[in-house]
Amino acid sequence: IALLAILAFGACFVVAPLVFSFECLTI
């Protein structure tokens, strides 16, 4: 479970820039 938590934390640094990039024209 701790390993999965570390992977989830690491995935955040990949997913967040992608979300902000593709939806930067939303506002």
mmCIF file of all heavy atoms, coordinates in Angstrom:
data_MODEL
# 
_entry.id   MODEL 
# 
loop_
_atom_site.group_PDB 
_atom_site.id 
_atom_site.type_symbol 
_atom_site.label_atom_id 
_atom_site.label_alt_id 
_atom_site.label_comp_id 
_atom_site.label_asym_id 
_atom_site.label_entity_id 
_atom_site.label_seq_id 
_atom_site.pdbx_PDB_ins_code 
_atom_site.Cartn_x 
_atom_site.Cartn_y 
_atom_site.Cartn_z 
_atom_site.occupancy 
_atom_site.B_iso_or_equiv 
_atom_site.pdbx_formal_charge 
_atom_site.auth_seq_id 
_atom_site.auth_comp_id 
_atom_site.auth_asym_id 
_atom_site.auth_atom_id 
_atom_site.pdbx_PDB_model_num 
ATOM 1   N N   . ILE A 1 1  ? 0.843   -1.208 0.000   1.00 0.00 ? 1  ILE A N   1 
ATOM 2   C CA  . ILE A 1 1  ? 0.000   0.000  0.000   1.00 0.00 ? 1  ILE A CA  1 
ATOM 3   C C   . ILE A 1 1  ? 0.873   1.252  0.000   1.00 0.00 ? 1  ILE A C   1 
ATOM 4   O O   . ILE A 1 1  ? 0.583   2.235  -0.699  1.00 0.00 ? 1  ILE A O   1 
ATOM 5   C CB  . ILE A 1 1  ? -0.962  -0.003 1.206   1.00 0.00 ? 1  ILE A CB  1 
ATOM 6   C CG1 . ILE A 1 1  ? -1.991  -1.133 1.057   1.00 0.00 ? 1  ILE A CG1 1 
ATOM 7   C CG2 . ILE A 1 1  ? -1.670  1.342  1.344   1.00 0.00 ? 1  ILE A CG2 1 
ATOM 8   C CD1 . ILE A 1 1  ? -2.897  -1.310 2.259   1.00 0.00 ? 1  ILE A CD1 1 
ATOM 9   N N   . ALA A 1 2  ? 1.955   1.237  0.768   1.00 0.00 ? 2  ALA A N   1 
ATOM 10  C CA  . ALA A 1 2  ? 2.873   2.377  0.791   1.00 0.00 ? 2  ALA A CA  1 
ATOM 11  C C   . ALA A 1 2  ? 3.518   2.582  -0.577  1.00 0.00 ? 2  ALA A C   1 
ATOM 12  O O   . ALA A 1 2  ? 3.700   3.722  -1.032  1.00 0.00 ? 2  ALA A O   1 
ATOM 13  C CB  . ALA A 1 2  ? 3.943   2.162  1.859   1.00 0.00 ? 2  ALA A CB  1 
ATOM 14  N N   . LEU A 1 3  ? 3.847   1.478  -1.267  1.00 0.00 ? 3  LEU A N   1 
ATOM 15  C CA  . LEU A 1 3  ? 4.414   1.590  -2.612  1.00 0.00 ? 3  LEU A CA  1 
ATOM 16  C C   . LEU A 1 3  ? 3.413   2.217  -3.582  1.00 0.00 ? 3  LEU A C   1 
ATOM 17  O O   . LEU A 1 3  ? 3.765   3.084  -4.393  1.00 0.00 ? 3  LEU A O   1 
ATOM 18  C CB  . LEU A 1 3  ? 4.845   0.204  -3.107  1.00 0.00 ? 3  LEU A CB  1 
ATOM 19  C CG  . LEU A 1 3  ? 5.416   0.144  -4.540  1.00 0.00 ? 3  LEU A CG  1 
ATOM 20  C CD1 . LEU A 1 3  ? 6.676   1.009  -4.643  1.00 0.00 ? 3  LEU A CD1 1 
ATOM 21  C CD2 . LEU A 1 3  ? 5.713   -1.296 -4.930  1.00 0.00 ? 3  LEU A CD2 1 
ATOM 22  N N   . LEU A 1 4  ? 2.157   1.788  -3.490  1.00 0.00 ? 4  LEU A N   1 
ATOM 23  C CA  . LEU A 1 4  ? 1.111   2.375  -4.340  1.00 0.00 ? 4  LEU A CA  1 
ATOM 24  C C   . LEU A 1 4  ? 0.933   3.861  -4.037  1.00 0.00 ? 4  LEU A C   1 
ATOM 25  O O   . LEU A 1 4  ? 0.695   4.666  -4.950  1.00 0.00 ? 4  LEU A O   1 
ATOM 26  C CB  . LEU A 1 4  ? -0.211  1.630  -4.126  1.00 0.00 ? 4  LEU A CB  1 
ATOM 27  C CG  . LEU A 1 4  ? -0.284  0.194  -4.652  1.00 0.00 ? 4  LEU A CG  1 
ATOM 28  C CD1 . LEU A 1 4  ? -1.619  -0.446 -4.266  1.00 0.00 ? 4  LEU A CD1 1 
ATOM 29  C CD2 . LEU A 1 4  ? -0.112  0.180  -6.171  1.00 0.00 ? 4  LEU A CD2 1 
ATOM 30  N N   . ALA A 1 5  ? 1.048   4.234  -2.776  1.00 0.00 ? 5  ALA A N   1 
ATOM 31  C CA  . ALA A 1 5  ? 0.929   5.651  -2.410  1.00 0.00 ? 5  ALA A CA  1 
ATOM 32  C C   . ALA A 1 5  ? 2.052   6.469  -3.034  1.00 0.00 ? 5  ALA A C   1 
ATOM 33  O O   . ALA A 1 5  ? 1.826   7.572  -3.549  1.00 0.00 ? 5  ALA A O   1 
ATOM 34  C CB  . ALA A 1 5  ? 0.937   5.797  -0.891  1.00 0.00 ? 5  ALA A CB  1 
ATOM 35  N N   . ILE A 1 6  ? 3.275   5.921  -3.019  1.00 0.00 ? 6  ILE A N   1 
ATOM 36  C CA  . ILE A 1 6  ? 4.413   6.621  -3.631  1.00 0.00 ? 6  ILE A CA  1 
ATOM 37  C C   . ILE A 1 6  ? 4.193   6.785  -5.133  1.00 0.00 ? 6  ILE A C   1 
ATOM 38  O O   . ILE A 1 6  ? 4.458   7.842  -5.719  1.00 0.00 ? 6  ILE A O   1 
ATOM 39  C CB  . ILE A 1 6  ? 5.720   5.869  -3.338  1.00 0.00 ? 6  ILE A CB  1 
ATOM 40  C CG1 . ILE A 1 6  ? 6.029   5.913  -1.835  1.00 0.00 ? 6  ILE A CG1 1 
ATOM 41  C CG2 . ILE A 1 6  ? 6.879   6.472  -4.128  1.00 0.00 ? 6  ILE A CG2 1 
ATOM 42  C CD1 . ILE A 1 6  ? 7.198   5.047  -1.429  1.00 0.00 ? 6  ILE A CD1 1 
ATOM 43  N N   . LEU A 1 7  ? 3.676   5.723  -5.787  1.00 0.00 ? 7  LEU A N   1 
ATOM 44  C CA  . LEU A 1 7  ? 3.382   5.809  -7.222  1.00 0.00 ? 7  LEU A CA  1 
ATOM 45  C C   . LEU A 1 7  ? 2.306   6.852  -7.499  1.00 0.00 ? 7  LEU A C   1 
ATOM 46  O O   . LEU A 1 7  ? 2.370   7.575  -8.501  1.00 0.00 ? 7  LEU A O   1 
ATOM 47  C CB  . LEU A 1 7  ? 2.948   4.436  -7.744  1.00 0.00 ? 7  LEU A CB  1 
ATOM 48  C CG  . LEU A 1 7  ? 4.033   3.346  -7.769  1.00 0.00 ? 7  LEU A CG  1 
ATOM 49  C CD1 . LEU A 1 7  ? 3.435   2.019  -8.213  1.00 0.00 ? 7  LEU A CD1 1 
ATOM 50  C CD2 . LEU A 1 7  ? 5.171   3.762  -8.698  1.00 0.00 ? 7  LEU A CD2 1 
ATOM 51  N N   . ALA A 1 8  ? 1.313   6.928  -6.632  1.00 0.00 ? 8  ALA A N   1 
ATOM 52  C CA  . ALA A 1 8  ? 0.247   7.926  -6.806  1.00 0.00 ? 8  ALA A CA  1 
ATOM 53  C C   . ALA A 1 8  ? 0.800   9.341  -6.677  1.00 0.00 ? 8  ALA A C   1 
ATOM 54  O O   . ALA A 1 8  ? 0.445   10.230 -7.459  1.00 0.00 ? 8  ALA A O   1 
ATOM 55  C CB  . ALA A 1 8  ? -0.856  7.691  -5.774  1.00 0.00 ? 8  ALA A CB  1 
ATOM 56  N N   . PHE A 1 9  ? 1.699   9.541  -5.703  1.00 0.00 ? 9  PHE A N   1 
ATOM 57  C CA  . PHE A 1 9  ? 2.331   10.852 -5.560  1.00 0.00 ? 9  PHE A CA  1 
ATOM 58  C C   . PHE A 1 9  ? 3.146   11.203 -6.803  1.00 0.00 ? 9  PHE A C   1 
ATOM 59  O O   . PHE A 1 9  ? 3.114   12.337 -7.295  1.00 0.00 ? 9  PHE A O   1 
ATOM 60  C CB  . PHE A 1 9  ? 3.236   10.883 -4.325  1.00 0.00 ? 9  PHE A CB  1 
ATOM 61  C CG  . PHE A 1 9  ? 2.496   10.893 -3.022  1.00 0.00 ? 9  PHE A CG  1 
ATOM 62  C CD1 . PHE A 1 9  ? 2.950   10.138 -1.946  1.00 0.00 ? 9  PHE A CD1 1 
ATOM 63  C CD2 . PHE A 1 9  ? 1.342   11.638 -2.866  1.00 0.00 ? 9  PHE A CD2 1 
ATOM 64  C CE1 . PHE A 1 9  ? 2.263   10.144 -0.739  1.00 0.00 ? 9  PHE A CE1 1 
ATOM 65  C CE2 . PHE A 1 9  ? 0.649   11.646 -1.667  1.00 0.00 ? 9  PHE A CE2 1 
ATOM 66  C CZ  . PHE A 1 9  ? 1.109   10.890 -0.600  1.00 0.00 ? 9  PHE A CZ  1 
ATOM 67  N N   . GLY A 1 10 ? 3.893   10.230 -7.333  1.00 0.00 ? 10 GLY A N   1 
ATOM 68  C CA  . GLY A 1 10 ? 4.692   10.481 -8.530  1.00 0.00 ? 10 GLY A CA  1 
ATOM 69  C C   . GLY A 1 10 ? 3.834   10.758 -9.751  1.00 0.00 ? 10 GLY A C   1 
ATOM 70  O O   . GLY A 1 10 ? 4.172   11.619 -10.574 1.00 0.00 ? 10 GLY A O   1 
ATOM 71  N N   . ALA A 1 11 ? 2.701   10.041 -9.891  1.00 0.00 ? 11 ALA A N   1 
ATOM 72  C CA  . ALA A 1 11 ? 1.807   10.249 -11.040 1.00 0.00 ? 11 ALA A CA  1 
ATOM 73  C C   . ALA A 1 11 ? 1.233   11.650 -11.054 1.00 0.00 ? 11 ALA A C   1 
ATOM 74  O O   . ALA A 1 11 ? 0.948   12.209 -12.123 1.00 0.00 ? 11 ALA A O   1 
ATOM 75  C CB  . ALA A 1 11 ? 0.687   9.220  -11.022 1.00 0.00 ? 11 ALA A CB  1 
ATOM 76  N N   . CYS A 1 12 ? 1.087   12.248 -9.883  1.00 0.00 ? 12 CYS A N   1 
ATOM 77  C CA  . CYS A 1 12 ? 0.533   13.599 -9.801  1.00 0.00 ? 12 CYS A CA  1 
ATOM 78  C C   . CYS A 1 12 ? 1.390   14.594 -10.559 1.00 0.00 ? 12 CYS A C   1 
ATOM 79  O O   . CYS A 1 12 ? 0.871   15.509 -11.203 1.00 0.00 ? 12 CYS A O   1 
ATOM 80  C CB  . CYS A 1 12 ? 0.398   14.013 -8.340  1.00 0.00 ? 12 CYS A CB  1 
ATOM 81  S SG  . CYS A 1 12 ? -0.255  15.660 -8.101  1.00 0.00 ? 12 CYS A SG  1 
ATOM 82  N N   . PHE A 1 13 ? 2.719   14.419 -10.514 1.00 0.00 ? 13 PHE A N   1 
ATOM 83  C CA  . PHE A 1 13 ? 3.623   15.357 -11.183 1.00 0.00 ? 13 PHE A CA  1 
ATOM 84  C C   . PHE A 1 13 ? 3.608   15.187 -12.699 1.00 0.00 ? 13 PHE A C   1 
ATOM 85  O O   . PHE A 1 13 ? 4.122   16.037 -13.421 1.00 0.00 ? 13 PHE A O   1 
ATOM 86  C CB  . PHE A 1 13 ? 5.041   15.175 -10.642 1.00 0.00 ? 13 PHE A CB  1 
ATOM 87  C CG  . PHE A 1 13 ? 5.200   15.571 -9.209  1.00 0.00 ? 13 PHE A CG  1 
ATOM 88  C CD1 . PHE A 1 13 ? 5.167   14.619 -8.210  1.00 0.00 ? 13 PHE A CD1 1 
ATOM 89  C CD2 . PHE A 1 13 ? 5.350   16.901 -8.855  1.00 0.00 ? 13 PHE A CD2 1 
ATOM 90  C CE1 . PHE A 1 13 ? 5.293   14.977 -6.877  1.00 0.00 ? 13 PHE A CE1 1 
ATOM 91  C CE2 . PHE A 1 13 ? 5.478   17.275 -7.537  1.00 0.00 ? 13 PHE A CE2 1 
ATOM 92  C CZ  . PHE A 1 13 ? 5.450   16.317 -6.537  1.00 0.00 ? 13 PHE A CZ  1 
ATOM 93  N N   . VAL A 1 14 ? 3.027   14.097 -13.185 1.00 0.00 ? 14 VAL A N   1 
ATOM 94  C CA  . VAL A 1 14 ? 2.868   13.893 -14.621 1.00 0.00 ? 14 VAL A CA  1 
ATOM 95  C C   . VAL A 1 14 ? 1.488   14.331 -15.081 1.00 0.00 ? 14 VAL A C   1 
ATOM 96  O O   . VAL A 1 14 ? 1.329   14.987 -16.114 1.00 0.00 ? 14 VAL A O   1 
ATOM 97  C CB  . VAL A 1 14 ? 3.112   12.402 -14.984 1.00 0.00 ? 14 VAL A CB  1 
ATOM 98  C CG1 . VAL A 1 14 ? 2.871   12.166 -16.473 1.00 0.00 ? 14 VAL A CG1 1 
ATOM 99  C CG2 . VAL A 1 14 ? 4.510   11.980 -14.594 1.00 0.00 ? 14 VAL A CG2 1 
ATOM 100 N N   . VAL A 1 15 ? 0.468   13.987 -14.311 1.00 0.00 ? 15 VAL A N   1 
ATOM 101 C CA  . VAL A 1 15 ? -0.917  14.259 -14.701 1.00 0.00 ? 15 VAL A CA  1 
ATOM 102 C C   . VAL A 1 15 ? -1.238  15.750 -14.604 1.00 0.00 ? 15 VAL A C   1 
ATOM 103 O O   . VAL A 1 15 ? -1.882  16.319 -15.496 1.00 0.00 ? 15 VAL A O   1 
ATOM 104 C CB  . VAL A 1 15 ? -1.882  13.443 -13.823 1.00 0.00 ? 15 VAL A CB  1 
ATOM 105 C CG1 . VAL A 1 15 ? -3.334  13.835 -14.109 1.00 0.00 ? 15 VAL A CG1 1 
ATOM 106 C CG2 . VAL A 1 15 ? -1.684  11.956 -14.064 1.00 0.00 ? 15 VAL A CG2 1 
ATOM 107 N N   . ALA A 1 16 ? -0.772  16.402 -13.533 1.00 0.00 ? 16 ALA A N   1 
ATOM 108 C CA  . ALA A 1 16 ? -1.127  17.809 -13.324 1.00 0.00 ? 16 ALA A CA  1 
ATOM 109 C C   . ALA A 1 16 ? -0.702  18.710 -14.486 1.00 0.00 ? 16 ALA A C   1 
ATOM 110 O O   . ALA A 1 16 ? -1.518  19.489 -14.989 1.00 0.00 ? 16 ALA A O   1 
ATOM 111 C CB  . ALA A 1 16 ? -0.539  18.307 -12.001 1.00 0.00 ? 16 ALA A CB  1 
ATOM 112 N N   . PRO A 1 17 ? 0.557   18.650 -14.975 1.00 0.00 ? 17 PRO A N   1 
ATOM 113 C CA  . PRO A 1 17 ? 0.916   19.495 -16.124 1.00 0.00 ? 17 PRO A CA  1 
ATOM 114 C C   . PRO A 1 17 ? 0.089   19.199 -17.371 1.00 0.00 ? 17 PRO A C   1 
ATOM 115 O O   . PRO A 1 17 ? -0.244  20.117 -18.135 1.00 0.00 ? 17 PRO A O   1 
ATOM 116 C CB  . PRO A 1 17 ? 2.393   19.172 -16.350 1.00 0.00 ? 17 PRO A CB  1 
ATOM 117 C CG  . PRO A 1 17 ? 2.894   18.684 -15.045 1.00 0.00 ? 17 PRO A CG  1 
ATOM 118 C CD  . PRO A 1 17 ? 1.746   17.941 -14.455 1.00 0.00 ? 17 PRO A CD  1 
ATOM 119 N N   . LEU A 1 18 ? -0.257  17.917 -17.588 1.00 0.00 ? 18 LEU A N   1 
ATOM 120 C CA  . LEU A 1 18 ? -1.072  17.573 -18.754 1.00 0.00 ? 18 LEU A CA  1 
ATOM 121 C C   . LEU A 1 18 ? -2.463  18.181 -18.646 1.00 0.00 ? 18 LEU A C   1 
ATOM 122 O O   . LEU A 1 18 ? -3.000  18.729 -19.620 1.00 0.00 ? 18 LEU A O   1 
ATOM 123 C CB  . LEU A 1 18 ? -1.174  16.052 -18.885 1.00 0.00 ? 18 LEU A CB  1 
ATOM 124 C CG  . LEU A 1 18 ? 0.116   15.317 -19.279 1.00 0.00 ? 18 LEU A CG  1 
ATOM 125 C CD1 . LEU A 1 18 ? -0.113  13.814 -19.278 1.00 0.00 ? 18 LEU A CD1 1 
ATOM 126 C CD2 . LEU A 1 18 ? 0.594   15.774 -20.650 1.00 0.00 ? 18 LEU A CD2 1 
ATOM 127 N N   . VAL A 1 19 ? -3.061  18.107 -17.461 1.00 0.00 ? 19 VAL A N   1 
ATOM 128 C CA  . VAL A 1 19 ? -4.392  18.676 -17.264 1.00 0.00 ? 19 VAL A CA  1 
ATOM 129 C C   . VAL A 1 19 ? -4.361  20.182 -17.459 1.00 0.00 ? 19 VAL A C   1 
ATOM 130 O O   . VAL A 1 19 ? -5.203  20.758 -18.161 1.00 0.00 ? 19 VAL A O   1 
ATOM 131 C CB  . VAL A 1 19 ? -4.924  18.324 -15.850 1.00 0.00 ? 19 VAL A CB  1 
ATOM 132 C CG1 . VAL A 1 19 ? -6.193  19.096 -15.538 1.00 0.00 ? 19 VAL A CG1 1 
ATOM 133 C CG2 . VAL A 1 19 ? -5.176  16.827 -15.741 1.00 0.00 ? 19 VAL A CG2 1 
ATOM 134 N N   . PHE A 1 20 ? -3.389  20.846 -16.849 1.00 0.00 ? 20 PHE A N   1 
ATOM 135 C CA  . PHE A 1 20 ? -3.295  22.299 -16.981 1.00 0.00 ? 20 PHE A CA  1 
ATOM 136 C C   . PHE A 1 20 ? -3.004  22.717 -18.421 1.00 0.00 ? 20 PHE A C   1 
ATOM 137 O O   . PHE A 1 20 ? -3.465  23.770 -18.871 1.00 0.00 ? 20 PHE A O   1 
ATOM 138 C CB  . PHE A 1 20 ? -2.207  22.843 -16.051 1.00 0.00 ? 20 PHE A CB  1 
ATOM 139 C CG  . PHE A 1 20 ? -2.507  22.651 -14.596 1.00 0.00 ? 20 PHE A CG  1 
ATOM 140 C CD1 . PHE A 1 20 ? -1.498  22.463 -13.674 1.00 0.00 ? 20 PHE A CD1 1 
ATOM 141 C CD2 . PHE A 1 20 ? -3.815  22.655 -14.145 1.00 0.00 ? 20 PHE A CD2 1 
ATOM 142 C CE1 . PHE A 1 20 ? -1.777  22.278 -12.331 1.00 0.00 ? 20 PHE A CE1 1 
ATOM 143 C CE2 . PHE A 1 20 ? -4.105  22.469 -12.804 1.00 0.00 ? 20 PHE A CE2 1 
ATOM 144 C CZ  . PHE A 1 20 ? -3.086  22.280 -11.899 1.00 0.00 ? 20 PHE A CZ  1 
ATOM 145 N N   . SER A 1 21 ? -2.257  21.897 -19.163 1.00 0.00 ? 21 SER A N   1 
ATOM 146 C CA  . SER A 1 21 ? -1.911  22.242 -20.542 1.00 0.00 ? 21 SER A CA  1 
ATOM 147 C C   . SER A 1 21 ? -3.127  22.148 -21.457 1.00 0.00 ? 21 SER A C   1 
ATOM 148 O O   . SER A 1 21 ? -3.464  23.099 -22.164 1.00 0.00 ? 21 SER A O   1 
ATOM 149 C CB  . SER A 1 21 ? -0.802  21.319 -21.059 1.00 0.00 ? 21 SER A CB  1 
ATOM 150 O OG  . SER A 1 21 ? 0.383   21.487 -20.322 1.00 0.00 ? 21 SER A OG  1 
ATOM 151 N N   . PHE A 1 22 ? -3.781  21.005 -21.448 1.00 0.00 ? 22 PHE A N   1 
ATOM 152 C CA  . PHE A 1 22 ? -4.888  20.777 -22.374 1.00 0.00 ? 22 PHE A CA  1 
ATOM 153 C C   . PHE A 1 22 ? -6.116  21.625 -22.046 1.00 0.00 ? 22 PHE A C   1 
ATOM 154 O O   . PHE A 1 22 ? -6.961  21.850 -22.917 1.00 0.00 ? 22 PHE A O   1 
ATOM 155 C CB  . PHE A 1 22 ? -5.266  19.299 -22.392 1.00 0.00 ? 22 PHE A CB  1 
ATOM 156 C CG  . PHE A 1 22 ? -4.316  18.445 -23.182 1.00 0.00 ? 22 PHE A CG  1 
ATOM 157 C CD1 . PHE A 1 22 ? -3.420  17.608 -22.527 1.00 0.00 ? 22 PHE A CD1 1 
ATOM 158 C CD2 . PHE A 1 22 ? -4.291  18.502 -24.559 1.00 0.00 ? 22 PHE A CD2 1 
ATOM 159 C CE1 . PHE A 1 22 ? -2.530  16.829 -23.247 1.00 0.00 ? 22 PHE A CE1 1 
ATOM 160 C CE2 . PHE A 1 22 ? -3.407  17.724 -25.287 1.00 0.00 ? 22 PHE A CE2 1 
ATOM 161 C CZ  . PHE A 1 22 ? -2.519  16.884 -24.631 1.00 0.00 ? 22 PHE A CZ  1 
ATOM 162 N N   . GLU A 1 23 ? -6.228  22.104 -20.810 1.00 0.00 ? 23 GLU A N   1 
ATOM 163 C CA  . GLU A 1 23 ? -7.414  22.881 -20.426 1.00 0.00 ? 23 GLU A CA  1 
ATOM 164 C C   . GLU A 1 23 ? -7.072  24.327 -20.099 1.00 0.00 ? 23 GLU A C   1 
ATOM 165 O O   . GLU A 1 23 ? -7.841  25.016 -19.442 1.00 0.00 ? 23 GLU A O   1 
ATOM 166 C CB  . GLU A 1 23 ? -8.102  22.208 -19.235 1.00 0.00 ? 23 GLU A CB  1 
ATOM 167 C CG  . GLU A 1 23 ? -8.592  20.799 -19.559 1.00 0.00 ? 23 GLU A CG  1 
ATOM 168 C CD  . GLU A 1 23 ? -9.419  20.183 -18.454 1.00 0.00 ? 23 GLU A CD  1 
ATOM 169 O OE1 . GLU A 1 23 ? -9.538  20.812 -17.376 1.00 0.00 ? 23 GLU A OE1 1 
ATOM 170 O OE2 . GLU A 1 23 ? -9.963  19.080 -18.650 1.00 0.00 ? 23 GLU A OE2 1 
ATOM 171 N N   . CYS A 1 24 ? -5.931  24.814 -20.598 1.00 0.00 ? 24 CYS A N   1 
ATOM 172 C CA  . CYS A 1 24 ? -5.524  26.182 -20.261 1.00 0.00 ? 24 CYS A CA  1 
ATOM 173 C C   . CYS A 1 24 ? -6.382  27.233 -20.953 1.00 0.00 ? 24 CYS A C   1 
ATOM 174 O O   . CYS A 1 24 ? -6.342  28.403 -20.572 1.00 0.00 ? 24 CYS A O   1 
ATOM 175 C CB  . CYS A 1 24 ? -4.051  26.395 -20.599 1.00 0.00 ? 24 CYS A CB  1 
ATOM 176 S SG  . CYS A 1 24 ? -3.687  26.438 -22.362 1.00 0.00 ? 24 CYS A SG  1 
ATOM 177 N N   . LEU A 1 25 ? -7.150  26.861 -21.978 1.00 0.00 ? 25 LEU A N   1 
ATOM 178 C CA  . LEU A 1 25 ? -8.016  27.815 -22.680 1.00 0.00 ? 25 LEU A CA  1 
ATOM 179 C C   . LEU A 1 25 ? -9.451  27.782 -22.163 1.00 0.00 ? 25 LEU A C   1 
ATOM 180 O O   . LEU A 1 25 ? -10.323 28.451 -22.717 1.00 0.00 ? 25 LEU A O   1 
ATOM 181 C CB  . LEU A 1 25 ? -8.016  27.526 -24.189 1.00 0.00 ? 25 LEU A CB  1 
ATOM 182 C CG  . LEU A 1 25 ? -6.658  27.452 -24.882 1.00 0.00 ? 25 LEU A CG  1 
ATOM 183 C CD1 . LEU A 1 25 ? -6.851  27.281 -26.384 1.00 0.00 ? 25 LEU A CD1 1 
ATOM 184 C CD2 . LEU A 1 25 ? -5.829  28.687 -24.593 1.00 0.00 ? 25 LEU A CD2 1 
ATOM 185 N N   . THR A 1 26 ? -9.702  27.027 -21.117 1.00 0.00 ? 26 THR A N   1 
ATOM 186 C CA  . THR A 1 26 ? -11.073 26.855 -20.643 1.00 0.00 ? 26 THR A CA  1 
ATOM 187 C C   . THR A 1 26 ? -11.667 28.151 -20.108 1.00 0.00 ? 26 THR A C   1 
ATOM 188 O O   . THR A 1 26 ? -12.820 28.487 -20.407 1.00 0.00 ? 26 THR A O   1 
ATOM 189 C CB  . THR A 1 26 ? -11.120 25.762 -19.557 1.00 0.00 ? 26 THR A CB  1 
ATOM 190 O OG1 . THR A 1 26 ? -10.577 24.554 -20.079 1.00 0.00 ? 26 THR A OG1 1 
ATOM 191 C CG2 . THR A 1 26 ? -12.551 25.504 -19.115 1.00 0.00 ? 26 THR A CG2 1 
ATOM 192 N N   . ILE A 1 27 ? -10.907 28.901 -19.312 1.00 0.00 ? 27 ILE A N   1 
ATOM 193 C CA  . ILE A 1 27 ? -11.437 30.155 -18.766 1.00 0.00 ? 27 ILE A CA  1 
ATOM 194 C C   . ILE A 1 27 ? -11.718 31.171 -19.876 1.00 0.00 ? 27 ILE A C   1 
ATOM 195 O O   . ILE A 1 27 ? -12.795 31.787 -19.879 1.00 0.00 ? 27 ILE A O   1 
ATOM 196 C CB  . ILE A 1 27 ? -10.486 30.723 -17.698 1.00 0.00 ? 27 ILE A CB  1 
ATOM 197 C CG1 . ILE A 1 27 ? -10.520 29.845 -16.447 1.00 0.00 ? 27 ILE A CG1 1 
ATOM 198 C CG2 . ILE A 1 27 ? -10.858 32.165 -17.333 1.00 0.00 ? 27 ILE A CG2 1 
ATOM 199 C CD1 . ILE A 1 27 ? -9.633  30.324 -15.325 1.00 0.00 ? 27 ILE A CD1 1 
# 
